[in-house]
């Protein structure tokens, strides 16, 4: 699957109350479709190393 956007190496804080974790986040058509180690191609890739990735606040 080709993604519109992949945010790589970010520290994910998902708001669930669980501990933060390092992961990639893939977006397709404005929706998060995969979280984990993303291997697919993307139109845009953002390196979020050292940054937090959170849902809209």
PDB file of N, CA and C in Angstrom:
ATOM      1  N   UNK A   1       0.843  -1.182   0.000  1.00  0.00           N
ATOM      2  CA  UNK A   1       0.000   0.000   0.000  1.00  0.00           C
ATOM      3  C   UNK A   1       0.882   1.236   0.000  1.00  0.00           C
ATOM      4  N   UNK A   2       0.611   2.172  -0.861  1.00  0.00           N
ATOM      5  CA  UNK A   2       1.315   3.454  -0.856  1.00  0.00           C
ATOM      6  C   UNK A   2       0.554   4.409   0.066  1.00  0.00           C
ATOM      7  N   UNK A   3       1.284   5.063   0.936  1.00  0.00           N
ATOM      8  CA  UNK A   3       0.681   5.981   1.903  1.00  0.00           C
ATOM      9  C   UNK A   3       0.833   7.417   1.419  1.00  0.00           C
ATOM     10  N   UNK A   4      -0.046   8.292   1.885  1.00  0.00           N
ATOM     11  CA  UNK A   4       0.090   9.717   1.599  1.00  0.00           C
ATOM     12  C   UNK A   4       1.200  10.322   2.456  1.00  0.00           C
ATOM     13  N   UNK A   5       1.294   9.863   3.703  1.00  0.00           N
ATOM     14  CA  UNK A   5       2.243  10.421   4.660  1.00  0.00           C
ATOM     15  C   UNK A   5       2.716   9.324   5.599  1.00  0.00           C
ATOM     16  N   UNK A   6       4.018   9.305   5.872  1.00  0.00           N
ATOM     17  CA  UNK A   6       4.565   8.448   6.928  1.00  0.00           C
ATOM     18  C   UNK A   6       5.402   9.332   7.844  1.00  0.00           C
ATOM     19  N   UNK A   7       5.089   9.276   9.131  1.00  0.00           N
ATOM     20  CA  UNK A   7       5.866   9.965  10.164  1.00  0.00           C
ATOM     21  C   UNK A   7       6.720   8.890  10.813  1.00  0.00           C
ATOM     22  N   UNK A   8       8.038   8.994  10.658  1.00  0.00           N
ATOM     23  CA  UNK A   8       8.955   7.939  11.098  1.00  0.00           C
ATOM     24  C   UNK A   8       9.663   8.315  12.399  1.00  0.00           C
ATOM     25  N   UNK A   9       9.904   7.297  13.211  1.00  0.00           N
ATOM     26  CA  UNK A   9      10.772   7.398  14.396  1.00  0.00           C
ATOM     27  C   UNK A   9      10.258   8.331  15.484  1.00  0.00           C
ATOM     28  N   UNK A  10       8.972   8.618  15.501  1.00  0.00           N
ATOM     29  CA  UNK A  10       8.425   9.520  16.514  1.00  0.00           C
ATOM     30  C   UNK A  10       8.137   8.803  17.819  1.00  0.00           C
ATOM     31  N   UNK A  11       8.033   9.571  18.881  1.00  0.00           N
ATOM     32  CA  UNK A  11       7.633   9.051  20.178  1.00  0.00           C
ATOM     33  C   UNK A  11       6.117   9.235  20.257  1.00  0.00           C
ATOM     34  N   UNK A  12       5.373   8.137  20.139  1.00  0.00           N
ATOM     35  CA  UNK A  12       3.915   8.186  20.056  1.00  0.00           C
ATOM     36  C   UNK A  12       3.314   8.251  21.457  1.00  0.00           C
ATOM     37  N   UNK A  13       2.460   9.246  21.666  1.00  0.00           N
ATOM     38  CA  UNK A  13       1.663   9.379  22.883  1.00  0.00           C
ATOM     39  C   UNK A  13       0.216   9.371  22.401  1.00  0.00           C
ATOM     40  N   UNK A  14      -0.481   8.255  22.629  1.00  0.00           N
ATOM     41  CA  UNK A  14      -1.799   8.099  22.002  1.00  0.00           C
ATOM     42  C   UNK A  14      -2.982   8.532  22.863  1.00  0.00           C
ATOM     43  N   UNK A  15      -2.727   8.999  24.084  1.00  0.00           N
ATOM     44  CA  UNK A  15      -3.809   9.487  24.934  1.00  0.00           C
ATOM     45  C   UNK A  15      -4.571   8.392  25.660  1.00  0.00           C
ATOM     46  N   UNK A  16      -4.133   7.146  25.520  1.00  0.00           N
ATOM     47  CA  UNK A  16      -4.835   6.020  26.147  1.00  0.00           C
ATOM     48  C   UNK A  16      -4.454   5.832  27.616  1.00  0.00           C
ATOM     49  N   UNK A  17      -3.390   6.510  28.045  1.00  0.00           N
ATOM     50  CA  UNK A  17      -2.899   6.324  29.402  1.00  0.00           C
ATOM     51  C   UNK A  17      -1.721   5.368  29.481  1.00  0.00           C
ATOM     52  N   UNK A  18      -1.465   4.629  28.392  1.00  0.00           N
ATOM     53  CA  UNK A  18      -0.300   3.746  28.342  1.00  0.00           C
ATOM     54  C   UNK A  18       0.963   4.567  28.121  1.00  0.00           C
ATOM     55  N   UNK A  19       2.104   3.985  28.391  1.00  0.00           N
ATOM     56  CA  UNK A  19       3.385   4.672  28.210  1.00  0.00           C
ATOM     57  C   UNK A  19       3.612   5.027  26.749  1.00  0.00           C
ATOM     58  N   UNK A  20       4.362   6.084  26.538  1.00  0.00           N
ATOM     59  CA  UNK A  20       4.733   6.471  25.169  1.00  0.00           C
ATOM     60  C   UNK A  20       5.636   5.388  24.575  1.00  0.00           C
ATOM     61  N   UNK A  21       5.696   5.337  23.246  1.00  0.00           N
ATOM     62  CA  UNK A  21       6.516   4.333  22.572  1.00  0.00           C
ATOM     63  C   UNK A  21       6.982   4.867  21.223  1.00  0.00           C
ATOM     64  N   UNK A  22       8.125   4.387  20.758  1.00  0.00           N
ATOM     65  CA  UNK A  22       8.679   4.814  19.474  1.00  0.00           C
ATOM     66  C   UNK A  22       8.020   4.006  18.362  1.00  0.00           C
ATOM     67  N   UNK A  23       7.526   4.702  17.336  1.00  0.00           N
ATOM     68  CA  UNK A  23       6.866   4.017  16.222  1.00  0.00           C
ATOM     69  C   UNK A  23       6.771   4.952  15.024  1.00  0.00           C
ATOM     70  N   UNK A  24       6.427   4.362  13.884  1.00  0.00           N
ATOM     71  CA  UNK A  24       6.098   5.110  12.675  1.00  0.00           C
ATOM     72  C   UNK A  24       4.573   5.170  12.589  1.00  0.00           C
ATOM     73  N   UNK A  25       4.056   6.219  11.943  1.00  0.00           N
ATOM     74  CA  UNK A  25       2.615   6.376  11.758  1.00  0.00           C
ATOM     75  C   UNK A  25       2.358   6.619  10.279  1.00  0.00           C
ATOM     76  N   UNK A  26       1.478   5.809   9.681  1.00  0.00           N
ATOM     77  CA  UNK A  26       1.155   5.944   8.260  1.00  0.00           C
ATOM     78  C   UNK A  26      -0.258   6.498   8.097  1.00  0.00           C
ATOM     79  N   UNK A  27      -0.405   7.449   7.147  1.00  0.00           N
ATOM     80  CA  UNK A  27      -1.686   8.102   6.888  1.00  0.00           C
ATOM     81  C   UNK A  27      -2.053   7.920   5.423  1.00  0.00           C
ATOM     82  N   UNK A  28      -3.310   7.590   5.170  1.00  0.00           N
ATOM     83  CA  UNK A  28      -3.837   7.449   3.813  1.00  0.00           C
ATOM     84  C   UNK A  28      -5.217   8.098   3.785  1.00  0.00           C
ATOM     85  N   UNK A  29      -5.443   9.007   2.851  1.00  0.00           N
ATOM     86  CA  UNK A  29      -6.738   9.694   2.712  1.00  0.00           C
ATOM     87  C   UNK A  29      -7.188  10.349   4.018  1.00  0.00           C
ATOM     88  N   UNK A  30      -6.236  10.931   4.765  1.00  0.00           N
ATOM     89  CA  UNK A  30      -6.555  11.663   5.981  1.00  0.00           C
ATOM     90  C   UNK A  30      -6.815  10.812   7.213  1.00  0.00           C
ATOM     91  N   UNK A  31      -6.579   9.503   7.116  1.00  0.00           N
ATOM     92  CA  UNK A  31      -6.834   8.592   8.224  1.00  0.00           C
ATOM     93  C   UNK A  31      -5.572   7.816   8.577  1.00  0.00           C
ATOM     94  N   UNK A  32      -5.298   7.691   9.880  1.00  0.00           N
ATOM     95  CA  UNK A  32      -4.192   6.842  10.315  1.00  0.00           C
ATOM     96  C   UNK A  32      -4.568   5.404   9.993  1.00  0.00           C
ATOM     97  N   UNK A  33      -3.728   4.739   9.201  1.00  0.00           N
ATOM     98  CA  UNK A  33      -4.045   3.376   8.773  1.00  0.00           C
ATOM     99  C   UNK A  33      -3.085   2.329   9.333  1.00  0.00           C
ATOM    100  N   UNK A  34      -1.959   2.776   9.877  1.00  0.00           N
ATOM    101  CA  UNK A  34      -0.998   1.811  10.421  1.00  0.00           C
ATOM    102  C   UNK A  34      -0.078   2.513  11.408  1.00  0.00           C
ATOM    103  N   UNK A  35       0.243   1.817  12.495  1.00  0.00           N
ATOM    104  CA  UNK A  35       1.210   2.296  13.481  1.00  0.00           C
ATOM    105  C   UNK A  35       2.153   1.141  13.766  1.00  0.00           C
ATOM    106  N   UNK A  36       3.437   1.428  13.779  1.00  0.00           N
ATOM    107  CA  UNK A  36       4.445   0.391  14.011  1.00  0.00           C
ATOM    108  C   UNK A  36       5.657   0.678  13.157  1.00  0.00           C
ATOM    109  N   UNK A  37       6.328  -0.365  12.702  1.00  0.00           N
ATOM    110  CA  UNK A  37       7.466  -0.212  11.794  1.00  0.00           C
ATOM    111  C   UNK A  37       6.913  -0.245  10.370  1.00  0.00           C
ATOM    112  N   UNK A  38       6.818   0.910   9.724  1.00  0.00           N
ATOM    113  CA  UNK A  38       6.200   1.040   8.403  1.00  0.00           C
ATOM    114  C   UNK A  38       7.248   0.775   7.329  1.00  0.00           C
ATOM    115  N   UNK A  39       6.915  -0.084   6.393  1.00  0.00           N
ATOM    116  CA  UNK A  39       7.835  -0.430   5.311  1.00  0.00           C
ATOM    117  C   UNK A  39       7.343   0.034   3.947  1.00  0.00           C
ATOM    118  N   UNK A  40       6.093   0.458   3.826  1.00  0.00           N
ATOM    119  CA  UNK A  40       5.537   0.865   2.538  1.00  0.00           C
ATOM    120  C   UNK A  40       6.033   2.226   2.081  1.00  0.00           C
ATOM    121  N   UNK A  41       5.817   2.513   0.803  1.00  0.00           N
ATOM    122  CA  UNK A  41       6.206   3.795   0.214  1.00  0.00           C
ATOM    123  C   UNK A  41       5.225   4.891   0.637  1.00  0.00           C
ATOM    124  N   UNK A  42       5.709   6.140   0.622  1.00  0.00           N
ATOM    125  CA  UNK A  42       4.862   7.277   0.982  1.00  0.00           C
ATOM    126  C   UNK A  42       5.161   8.455   0.072  1.00  0.00           C
ATOM    127  N   UNK A  43       4.122   9.239  -0.223  1.00  0.00           N
ATOM    128  CA  UNK A  43       4.301  10.457  -1.007  1.00  0.00           C
ATOM    129  C   UNK A  43       5.155  11.457  -0.230  1.00  0.00           C
ATOM    130  N   UNK A  44       4.950  11.515   1.096  1.00  0.00           N
ATOM    131  CA  UNK A  44       5.709  12.414   1.966  1.00  0.00           C
ATOM    132  C   UNK A  44       6.148  11.641   3.200  1.00  0.00           C
ATOM    133  N   UNK A  45       7.403  11.827   3.595  1.00  0.00           N
ATOM    134  CA  UNK A  45       7.927  11.201   4.807  1.00  0.00           C
ATOM    135  C   UNK A  45       8.489  12.288   5.709  1.00  0.00           C
ATOM    136  N   UNK A  46       8.133  12.232   6.981  1.00  0.00           N
ATOM    137  CA  UNK A  46       8.636  13.176   7.982  1.00  0.00           C
ATOM    138  C   UNK A  46       9.458  12.392   8.991  1.00  0.00           C
ATOM    139  N   UNK A  47      10.682  12.833   9.253  1.00  0.00           N
ATOM    140  CA  UNK A  47      11.514  12.216  10.282  1.00  0.00           C
ATOM    141  C   UNK A  47      11.211  12.908  11.606  1.00  0.00           C
ATOM    142  N   UNK A  48      10.554  12.206  12.510  1.00  0.00           N
ATOM    143  CA  UNK A  48      10.152  12.778  13.791  1.00  0.00           C
ATOM    144  C   UNK A  48      11.069  12.334  14.925  1.00  0.00           C
ATOM    145  N   UNK A  49      12.300  11.926  14.618  1.00  0.00           N
ATOM    146  CA  UNK A  49      13.247  11.518  15.645  1.00  0.00           C
ATOM    147  C   UNK A  49      13.433  12.659  16.642  1.00  0.00           C
ATOM    148  N   UNK A  50      13.241  12.373  17.920  1.00  0.00           N
ATOM    149  CA  UNK A  50      13.369  13.381  18.962  1.00  0.00           C
ATOM    150  C   UNK A  50      12.106  14.203  19.171  1.00  0.00           C
ATOM    151  N   UNK A  51      11.025  13.868  18.450  1.00  0.00           N
ATOM    152  CA  UNK A  51       9.765  14.608  18.551  1.00  0.00           C
ATOM    153  C   UNK A  51       8.646  13.689  19.028  1.00  0.00           C
ATOM    154  N   UNK A  52       7.572  14.287  19.541  1.00  0.00           N
ATOM    155  CA  UNK A  52       6.397  13.536  19.958  1.00  0.00           C
ATOM    156  C   UNK A  52       5.352  13.558  18.854  1.00  0.00           C
ATOM    157  N   UNK A  53       4.641  12.446  18.704  1.00  0.00           N
ATOM    158  CA  UNK A  53       3.528  12.341  17.761  1.00  0.00           C
ATOM    159  C   UNK A  53       2.285  12.073  18.604  1.00  0.00           C
ATOM    160  N   UNK A  54       1.294  12.970  18.516  1.00  0.00           N
ATOM    161  CA  UNK A  54       0.077  12.845  19.317  1.00  0.00           C
ATOM    162  C   UNK A  54      -1.150  13.070  18.439  1.00  0.00           C
ATOM    163  N   UNK A  55      -2.314  12.587  18.883  1.00  0.00           N
ATOM    164  CA  UNK A  55      -3.537  12.910  18.156  1.00  0.00           C
ATOM    165  C   UNK A  55      -3.853  14.395  18.315  1.00  0.00           C
ATOM    166  N   UNK A  56      -4.715  14.911  17.477  1.00  0.00           N
ATOM    167  CA  UNK A  56      -5.100  16.333  17.556  1.00  0.00           C
ATOM    168  C   UNK A  56      -5.568  16.707  18.948  1.00  0.00           C
ATOM    169  N   UNK A  57      -5.112  17.833  19.412  1.00  0.00           N
ATOM    170  CA  UNK A  57      -5.455  18.268  20.772  1.00  0.00           C
ATOM    171  C   UNK A  57      -6.325  19.502  20.677  1.00  0.00           C
TER     172      UNK A  57
END
